[in-house]
């Protein structure tokens, strides 16, 4: 503490030079450590692990897409089958309604013919009574 107060200009210059030299030495050591074979081996190992991870992720995505495509195809097939079944049911229902309408129409025509025949019989009976009475 006492020393830092009584430092002169030369002492400060030498301290700054020492600090700069120490910093350069640390940078040189870091550069040499980064360029060492062990560091290169670690980098290649990391890159290999990253490549394998990316491959696994891509495989999972492809599997997921394939499953989704299969599910979509199954859903579409089920919808098509349901639509076809609904159309067949609607067609059968329409045919049943048409048959019922035809039956009702035939029944009404038969009833009308029966009423007509009964009326004609009454008219004929009335004419017969008039002729008989003349």
N, C-alpha and C. Protein backbone atom coordinates (compact mmCIF):
# COMPACT_ATOMS: atom_id res chain seq x y z
N UNK A 1 0.81 -1.17 0.00
CA UNK A 1 0.00 0.00 0.00
C UNK A 1 0.87 1.25 0.00
N UNK A 2 1.80 1.20 0.81
CA UNK A 2 2.71 2.33 0.91
C UNK A 2 3.49 2.49 -0.37
N UNK A 3 3.78 1.38 -0.97
CA UNK A 3 4.57 1.39 -2.20
C UNK A 3 3.80 2.03 -3.35
N UNK A 4 2.46 1.75 -3.45
CA UNK A 4 1.68 2.26 -4.55
C UNK A 4 1.56 3.79 -4.51
N UNK A 5 1.69 4.39 -3.31
CA UNK A 5 1.60 5.84 -3.20
C UNK A 5 2.88 6.52 -3.66
N UNK A 6 3.98 5.88 -3.49
CA UNK A 6 5.26 6.49 -3.79
C UNK A 6 5.86 5.98 -5.09
N UNK A 7 5.01 5.55 -6.01
CA UNK A 7 5.55 5.05 -7.26
C UNK A 7 5.81 6.22 -8.18
N UNK A 8 6.84 6.08 -8.91
CA UNK A 8 7.20 7.14 -9.85
C UNK A 8 6.73 6.77 -11.24
N UNK A 9 7.03 7.64 -12.19
CA UNK A 9 6.60 7.44 -13.57
C UNK A 9 7.22 6.19 -14.16
N UNK A 10 8.47 5.95 -13.90
CA UNK A 10 9.19 4.79 -14.43
C UNK A 10 8.59 3.50 -13.89
N UNK A 11 8.22 3.52 -12.61
CA UNK A 11 7.61 2.32 -12.01
C UNK A 11 6.26 2.01 -12.68
N UNK A 12 5.50 3.04 -12.92
CA UNK A 12 4.20 2.83 -13.57
C UNK A 12 4.36 2.33 -14.99
N UNK A 13 5.36 2.86 -15.71
CA UNK A 13 5.62 2.40 -17.07
C UNK A 13 6.03 0.94 -17.09
N UNK A 14 6.90 0.56 -16.18
CA UNK A 14 7.36 -0.84 -16.14
C UNK A 14 6.20 -1.76 -15.74
N UNK A 15 5.32 -1.32 -14.83
CA UNK A 15 4.17 -2.14 -14.42
C UNK A 15 3.22 -2.32 -15.60
N UNK A 16 3.00 -1.28 -16.38
CA UNK A 16 2.14 -1.39 -17.55
C UNK A 16 2.75 -2.32 -18.58
N UNK A 17 4.07 -2.24 -18.78
CA UNK A 17 4.74 -3.12 -19.73
C UNK A 17 4.64 -4.57 -19.27
N UNK A 18 4.82 -4.80 -17.96
CA UNK A 18 4.71 -6.17 -17.42
C UNK A 18 3.29 -6.72 -17.62
N UNK A 19 2.29 -5.89 -17.39
CA UNK A 19 0.90 -6.33 -17.56
C UNK A 19 0.63 -6.67 -19.02
N UNK A 20 1.15 -5.85 -19.93
CA UNK A 20 0.95 -6.11 -21.36
C UNK A 20 1.63 -7.40 -21.78
N UNK A 21 2.84 -7.61 -21.28
CA UNK A 21 3.59 -8.81 -21.60
C UNK A 21 2.86 -10.05 -21.07
N UNK A 22 2.32 -9.96 -19.86
CA UNK A 22 1.59 -11.08 -19.26
C UNK A 22 0.34 -11.39 -20.08
N UNK A 23 -0.32 -10.35 -20.54
CA UNK A 23 -1.52 -10.54 -21.35
C UNK A 23 -1.19 -11.20 -22.68
N UNK A 24 -0.12 -10.79 -23.32
CA UNK A 24 0.32 -11.39 -24.57
C UNK A 24 0.71 -12.85 -24.38
N UNK A 25 1.35 -13.14 -23.25
CA UNK A 25 1.73 -14.53 -22.96
C UNK A 25 0.48 -15.41 -22.77
N UNK A 26 -0.51 -14.88 -22.07
CA UNK A 26 -1.77 -15.63 -21.88
C UNK A 26 -2.45 -15.89 -23.22
N UNK A 27 -2.47 -14.88 -24.10
CA UNK A 27 -3.09 -15.03 -25.41
C UNK A 27 -2.33 -16.06 -26.24
N UNK A 28 -0.99 -16.04 -26.16
CA UNK A 28 -0.17 -17.00 -26.91
C UNK A 28 -0.43 -18.42 -26.40
N UNK A 29 -0.52 -18.58 -25.06
CA UNK A 29 -0.80 -19.90 -24.49
C UNK A 29 -2.19 -20.40 -24.91
N UNK A 30 -3.16 -19.49 -24.92
CA UNK A 30 -4.52 -19.88 -25.31
C UNK A 30 -4.55 -20.28 -26.77
N UNK A 31 -3.83 -19.53 -27.63
CA UNK A 31 -3.78 -19.86 -29.05
C UNK A 31 -3.11 -21.21 -29.27
N UNK A 32 -2.02 -21.45 -28.58
CA UNK A 32 -1.34 -22.73 -28.75
C UNK A 32 -2.19 -23.89 -28.21
N UNK A 33 -2.95 -23.63 -27.13
CA UNK A 33 -3.83 -24.67 -26.59
C UNK A 33 -4.95 -24.96 -27.58
N UNK A 34 -5.45 -23.92 -28.27
CA UNK A 34 -6.53 -24.11 -29.23
C UNK A 34 -6.05 -24.85 -30.47
N UNK A 35 -4.78 -24.68 -30.79
CA UNK A 35 -4.23 -25.33 -31.99
C UNK A 35 -3.61 -26.68 -31.69
N UNK A 36 -3.65 -27.11 -30.45
CA UNK A 36 -3.02 -28.39 -30.08
C UNK A 36 -3.82 -29.55 -30.65
N UNK A 37 -3.17 -30.73 -30.83
CA UNK A 37 -3.87 -31.91 -31.34
C UNK A 37 -5.01 -32.36 -30.43
N UNK A 38 -4.87 -32.21 -29.14
CA UNK A 38 -5.93 -32.62 -28.21
C UNK A 38 -7.16 -31.76 -28.42
N UNK A 39 -6.97 -30.44 -28.60
CA UNK A 39 -8.11 -29.56 -28.83
C UNK A 39 -8.77 -29.88 -30.16
N UNK A 40 -7.96 -30.17 -31.17
CA UNK A 40 -8.53 -30.53 -32.48
C UNK A 40 -9.34 -31.82 -32.36
N UNK A 41 -8.83 -32.76 -31.59
CA UNK A 41 -9.55 -34.02 -31.38
C UNK A 41 -10.86 -33.79 -30.65
N UNK A 42 -10.84 -32.91 -29.64
CA UNK A 42 -12.08 -32.57 -28.92
C UNK A 42 -13.10 -31.92 -29.87
N UNK A 43 -12.62 -31.03 -30.73
CA UNK A 43 -13.52 -30.37 -31.69
C UNK A 43 -14.14 -31.39 -32.64
N UNK A 44 -13.32 -32.31 -33.16
CA UNK A 44 -13.86 -33.31 -34.09
C UNK A 44 -14.85 -34.23 -33.37
N UNK A 45 -14.55 -34.56 -32.11
CA UNK A 45 -15.47 -35.39 -31.33
C UNK A 45 -16.81 -34.66 -31.15
N UNK A 46 -16.74 -33.36 -30.79
CA UNK A 46 -17.96 -32.56 -30.61
C UNK A 46 -18.75 -32.49 -31.91
N UNK A 47 -18.06 -32.31 -33.03
CA UNK A 47 -18.74 -32.24 -34.31
C UNK A 47 -19.40 -33.56 -34.66
N UNK A 48 -18.74 -34.67 -34.35
CA UNK A 48 -19.32 -35.99 -34.61
C UNK A 48 -20.57 -36.21 -33.76
N UNK A 49 -20.48 -35.80 -32.49
CA UNK A 49 -21.64 -35.94 -31.60
C UNK A 49 -22.78 -35.07 -32.11
N UNK A 50 -22.46 -33.85 -32.56
CA UNK A 50 -23.49 -32.96 -33.08
C UNK A 50 -24.13 -33.54 -34.34
N UNK A 51 -23.31 -34.12 -35.23
CA UNK A 51 -23.84 -34.75 -36.44
C UNK A 51 -24.76 -35.91 -36.12
N UNK A 52 -24.36 -36.75 -35.15
CA UNK A 52 -25.19 -37.88 -34.74
C UNK A 52 -26.50 -37.39 -34.13
N UNK A 53 -26.43 -36.34 -33.31
CA UNK A 53 -27.64 -35.78 -32.71
C UNK A 53 -28.58 -35.25 -33.78
N UNK A 54 -28.03 -34.52 -34.73
CA UNK A 54 -28.86 -33.99 -35.82
C UNK A 54 -29.50 -35.11 -36.63
N UNK A 55 -28.76 -36.20 -36.84
CA UNK A 55 -29.30 -37.35 -37.58
C UNK A 55 -30.47 -37.99 -36.81
N UNK A 56 -30.30 -38.12 -35.49
CA UNK A 56 -31.38 -38.69 -34.66
C UNK A 56 -32.62 -37.80 -34.68
N UNK A 57 -32.39 -36.50 -34.60
CA UNK A 57 -33.52 -35.56 -34.63
C UNK A 57 -34.24 -35.66 -35.97
N UNK A 58 -33.48 -35.70 -37.06
CA UNK A 58 -34.09 -35.81 -38.39
C UNK A 58 -34.86 -37.12 -38.53
N UNK A 59 -34.31 -38.20 -37.99
CA UNK A 59 -34.99 -39.49 -38.05
C UNK A 59 -36.31 -39.46 -37.27
N UNK A 60 -36.28 -38.82 -36.08
CA UNK A 60 -37.50 -38.70 -35.28
C UNK A 60 -38.55 -37.88 -36.02
N UNK A 61 -38.12 -36.79 -36.63
CA UNK A 61 -39.06 -35.96 -37.37
C UNK A 61 -39.66 -36.73 -38.55
N UNK A 62 -38.82 -37.49 -39.25
CA UNK A 62 -39.31 -38.27 -40.39
C UNK A 62 -40.31 -39.33 -39.92
N UNK A 63 -40.01 -39.98 -38.81
CA UNK A 63 -40.92 -40.99 -38.26
C UNK A 63 -42.25 -40.35 -37.86
N UNK A 64 -42.15 -39.19 -37.22
CA UNK A 64 -43.37 -38.49 -36.79
C UNK A 64 -44.20 -38.08 -37.99
N UNK A 65 -43.56 -37.58 -39.03
CA UNK A 65 -44.29 -37.20 -40.24
C UNK A 65 -44.94 -38.41 -40.90
N UNK A 66 -44.24 -39.54 -40.91
CA UNK A 66 -44.80 -40.76 -41.50
C UNK A 66 -46.03 -41.22 -40.71
N UNK A 67 -45.94 -41.17 -39.39
CA UNK A 67 -47.07 -41.57 -38.55
C UNK A 67 -48.25 -40.64 -38.79
N UNK A 68 -47.97 -39.33 -38.85
CA UNK A 68 -49.05 -38.37 -39.09
C UNK A 68 -49.68 -38.60 -40.47
N UNK A 69 -48.85 -38.92 -41.46
CA UNK A 69 -49.39 -39.18 -42.80
C UNK A 69 -50.27 -40.43 -42.80
N UNK A 70 -49.84 -41.48 -42.08
CA UNK A 70 -50.65 -42.70 -41.99
C UNK A 70 -51.98 -42.39 -41.29
N UNK A 71 -51.93 -41.61 -40.21
CA UNK A 71 -53.15 -41.27 -39.49
C UNK A 71 -54.09 -40.45 -40.37
N UNK A 72 -53.51 -39.52 -41.11
CA UNK A 72 -54.34 -38.70 -42.00
C UNK A 72 -54.97 -39.56 -43.09
N UNK A 73 -54.21 -40.51 -43.63
CA UNK A 73 -54.76 -41.40 -44.66
C UNK A 73 -55.87 -42.27 -44.07
N UNK A 74 -55.67 -42.78 -42.87
CA UNK A 74 -56.70 -43.61 -42.23
C UNK A 74 -57.95 -42.78 -41.95
N UNK A 75 -57.76 -41.56 -41.50
CA UNK A 75 -58.90 -40.69 -41.23
C UNK A 75 -59.65 -40.38 -42.52
N UNK A 76 -58.91 -40.10 -43.58
CA UNK A 76 -59.55 -39.81 -44.87
C UNK A 76 -60.32 -41.03 -45.36
N UNK A 77 -59.74 -42.22 -45.23
CA UNK A 77 -60.42 -43.44 -45.66
C UNK A 77 -61.69 -43.66 -44.83
N UNK A 78 -61.60 -43.41 -43.53
CA UNK A 78 -62.78 -43.57 -42.68
C UNK A 78 -63.87 -42.58 -43.07
N UNK A 79 -63.46 -41.36 -43.37
CA UNK A 79 -64.44 -40.35 -43.78
C UNK A 79 -65.09 -40.73 -45.11
N UNK A 80 -64.29 -41.25 -46.04
CA UNK A 80 -64.84 -41.67 -47.33
C UNK A 80 -65.83 -42.82 -47.13
N UNK A 81 -65.45 -43.78 -46.29
CA UNK A 81 -66.33 -44.92 -46.02
C UNK A 81 -67.62 -44.44 -45.35
N UNK A 82 -67.49 -43.53 -44.40
CA UNK A 82 -68.67 -43.01 -43.71
C UNK A 82 -69.58 -42.26 -44.68
N UNK A 83 -68.98 -41.47 -45.56
CA UNK A 83 -69.76 -40.73 -46.55
C UNK A 83 -70.48 -41.69 -47.49
N UNK A 84 -69.78 -42.74 -47.94
CA UNK A 84 -70.39 -43.73 -48.83
C UNK A 84 -71.54 -44.45 -48.11
N UNK A 85 -71.33 -44.81 -46.85
CA UNK A 85 -72.39 -45.49 -46.10
C UNK A 85 -73.59 -44.57 -45.92
N UNK A 86 -73.31 -43.30 -45.64
CA UNK A 86 -74.40 -42.34 -45.47
C UNK A 86 -75.17 -42.17 -46.78
N UNK A 87 -74.46 -42.13 -47.90
CA UNK A 87 -75.13 -42.01 -49.19
C UNK A 87 -75.98 -43.24 -49.50
N UNK A 88 -75.46 -44.43 -49.19
CA UNK A 88 -76.22 -45.67 -49.41
C UNK A 88 -77.47 -45.66 -48.54
N UNK A 89 -77.33 -45.23 -47.29
CA UNK A 89 -78.48 -45.19 -46.38
C UNK A 89 -79.52 -44.18 -46.88
N UNK A 90 -79.03 -43.03 -47.35
CA UNK A 90 -79.96 -42.01 -47.86
C UNK A 90 -80.68 -42.52 -49.11
N UNK A 91 -79.94 -43.24 -49.97
CA UNK A 91 -80.55 -43.79 -51.18
C UNK A 91 -81.61 -44.83 -50.82
N UNK A 92 -81.29 -45.71 -49.87
CA UNK A 92 -82.24 -46.73 -49.44
C UNK A 92 -83.47 -46.08 -48.81
N UNK A 93 -83.25 -45.04 -48.03
CA UNK A 93 -84.37 -44.33 -47.41
C UNK A 93 -85.25 -43.67 -48.47
N UNK A 94 -84.62 -43.08 -49.47
CA UNK A 94 -85.37 -42.44 -50.56
C UNK A 94 -86.17 -43.48 -51.34
N UNK A 95 -85.55 -44.65 -51.60
CA UNK A 95 -86.27 -45.71 -52.30
C UNK A 95 -87.44 -46.21 -51.48
N UNK A 96 -87.26 -46.30 -50.16
CA UNK A 96 -88.36 -46.73 -49.30
C UNK A 96 -89.50 -45.70 -49.34
N UNK A 97 -89.13 -44.40 -49.30
CA UNK A 97 -90.17 -43.37 -49.39
C UNK A 97 -90.88 -43.41 -50.74
N UNK A 98 -90.10 -43.64 -51.81
CA UNK A 98 -90.71 -43.73 -53.14
C UNK A 98 -91.66 -44.92 -53.22
N UNK A 99 -91.25 -46.06 -52.66
CA UNK A 99 -92.09 -47.26 -52.67
C UNK A 99 -93.37 -47.00 -51.86
N UNK A 100 -93.23 -46.35 -50.72
CA UNK A 100 -94.39 -46.05 -49.88
C UNK A 100 -95.33 -45.09 -50.62
N UNK A 101 -94.75 -44.11 -51.31
CA UNK A 101 -95.57 -43.16 -52.07
C UNK A 101 -96.31 -43.89 -53.18
N UNK A 102 -95.61 -44.79 -53.89
CA UNK A 102 -96.24 -45.54 -54.98
C UNK A 102 -97.37 -46.42 -54.43
N UNK A 103 -97.12 -47.04 -53.27
CA UNK A 103 -98.14 -47.90 -52.66
C UNK A 103 -99.35 -47.07 -52.24
N UNK A 104 -99.10 -45.90 -51.64
CA UNK A 104 -100.19 -45.03 -51.22
C UNK A 104 -100.98 -44.54 -52.43
N UNK A 105 -100.25 -44.18 -53.49
CA UNK A 105 -100.92 -43.72 -54.72
C UNK A 105 -101.78 -44.84 -55.31
N UNK A 106 -101.23 -46.06 -55.34
CA UNK A 106 -101.99 -47.19 -55.88
C UNK A 106 -103.21 -47.46 -55.01
N UNK A 107 -103.06 -47.36 -53.68
CA UNK A 107 -104.17 -47.60 -52.77
C UNK A 107 -105.26 -46.53 -52.96
N UNK A 108 -104.81 -45.27 -53.09
CA UNK A 108 -105.78 -44.19 -53.32
C UNK A 108 -106.49 -44.37 -54.66
N UNK A 109 -105.73 -44.79 -55.70
CA UNK A 109 -106.35 -45.03 -57.01
C UNK A 109 -107.36 -46.16 -56.92
N UNK A 110 -107.03 -47.22 -56.17
CA UNK A 110 -107.95 -48.35 -56.01
C UNK A 110 -109.19 -47.89 -55.24
N UNK A 111 -109.02 -47.09 -54.19
CA UNK A 111 -110.16 -46.57 -53.43
C UNK A 111 -111.04 -45.70 -54.32
N UNK A 112 -110.40 -44.86 -55.11
CA UNK A 112 -111.15 -43.99 -56.03
C UNK A 112 -111.93 -44.82 -57.04
N UNK A 113 -111.28 -45.86 -57.57
CA UNK A 113 -111.97 -46.72 -58.54
C UNK A 113 -113.14 -47.43 -57.86
N UNK A 114 -112.95 -47.84 -56.62
CA UNK A 114 -114.01 -48.51 -55.88
C UNK A 114 -115.18 -47.56 -55.64
N UNK A 115 -114.88 -46.31 -55.25
CA UNK A 115 -115.93 -45.31 -55.05
C UNK A 115 -116.66 -45.02 -56.37
N UNK A 116 -115.87 -44.92 -57.44
CA UNK A 116 -116.46 -44.67 -58.76
C UNK A 116 -117.40 -45.81 -59.14
N UNK A 117 -116.93 -47.04 -58.88
CA UNK A 117 -117.75 -48.21 -59.21
C UNK A 117 -119.03 -48.20 -58.37
N UNK A 118 -118.92 -47.84 -57.09
CA UNK A 118 -120.10 -47.79 -56.22
C UNK A 118 -121.06 -46.71 -56.71
N UNK A 119 -120.54 -45.56 -57.10
CA UNK A 119 -121.38 -44.48 -57.61
C UNK A 119 -122.06 -44.89 -58.92
N UNK A 120 -121.28 -45.52 -59.80
CA UNK A 120 -121.87 -45.98 -61.06
C UNK A 120 -122.98 -47.00 -60.79
N UNK A 121 -122.74 -47.85 -59.79
CA UNK A 121 -123.75 -48.85 -59.44
C UNK A 121 -125.01 -48.16 -58.93
N UNK A 122 -124.84 -47.11 -58.13
CA UNK A 122 -126.01 -46.38 -57.62
C UNK A 122 -126.76 -45.71 -58.76
N UNK A 123 -126.01 -45.07 -59.66
CA UNK A 123 -126.65 -44.42 -60.81
C UNK A 123 -127.40 -45.44 -61.66
N UNK A 124 -126.77 -46.56 -61.89
CA UNK A 124 -127.40 -47.61 -62.71
C UNK A 124 -128.66 -48.12 -62.01
N UNK A 125 -128.59 -48.27 -60.68
CA UNK A 125 -129.75 -48.75 -59.94
C UNK A 125 -130.87 -47.73 -60.02
N UNK A 126 -130.54 -46.44 -59.92
CA UNK A 126 -131.54 -45.39 -59.99
C UNK A 126 -132.19 -45.37 -61.38
N UNK A 127 -131.38 -45.49 -62.42
CA UNK A 127 -131.93 -45.53 -63.79
C UNK A 127 -132.81 -46.74 -63.97
N UNK A 128 -132.38 -47.84 -63.40
CA UNK A 128 -133.16 -49.05 -63.51
C UNK A 128 -134.49 -48.89 -62.81
N UNK A 129 -134.52 -48.23 -61.69
CA UNK A 129 -135.76 -48.00 -60.97
C UNK A 129 -136.68 -47.06 -61.76
N UNK A 130 -136.11 -46.05 -62.40
CA UNK A 130 -136.90 -45.12 -63.20
C UNK A 130 -137.50 -45.83 -64.40
N UNK A 131 -136.72 -46.67 -65.06
CA UNK A 131 -137.22 -47.41 -66.22
C UNK A 131 -138.30 -48.40 -65.82
N UNK A 132 -138.11 -48.98 -64.68
CA UNK A 132 -139.04 -49.98 -64.20
C UNK A 132 -140.38 -49.30 -63.87
N UNK A 133 -140.26 -48.10 -63.34
CA UNK A 133 -141.46 -47.36 -62.96
C UNK A 133 -142.19 -46.77 -64.15
N UNK A 134 -141.66 -46.66 -65.34
CA UNK A 134 -142.30 -46.09 -66.53
C UNK A 134 -143.13 -47.05 -67.18
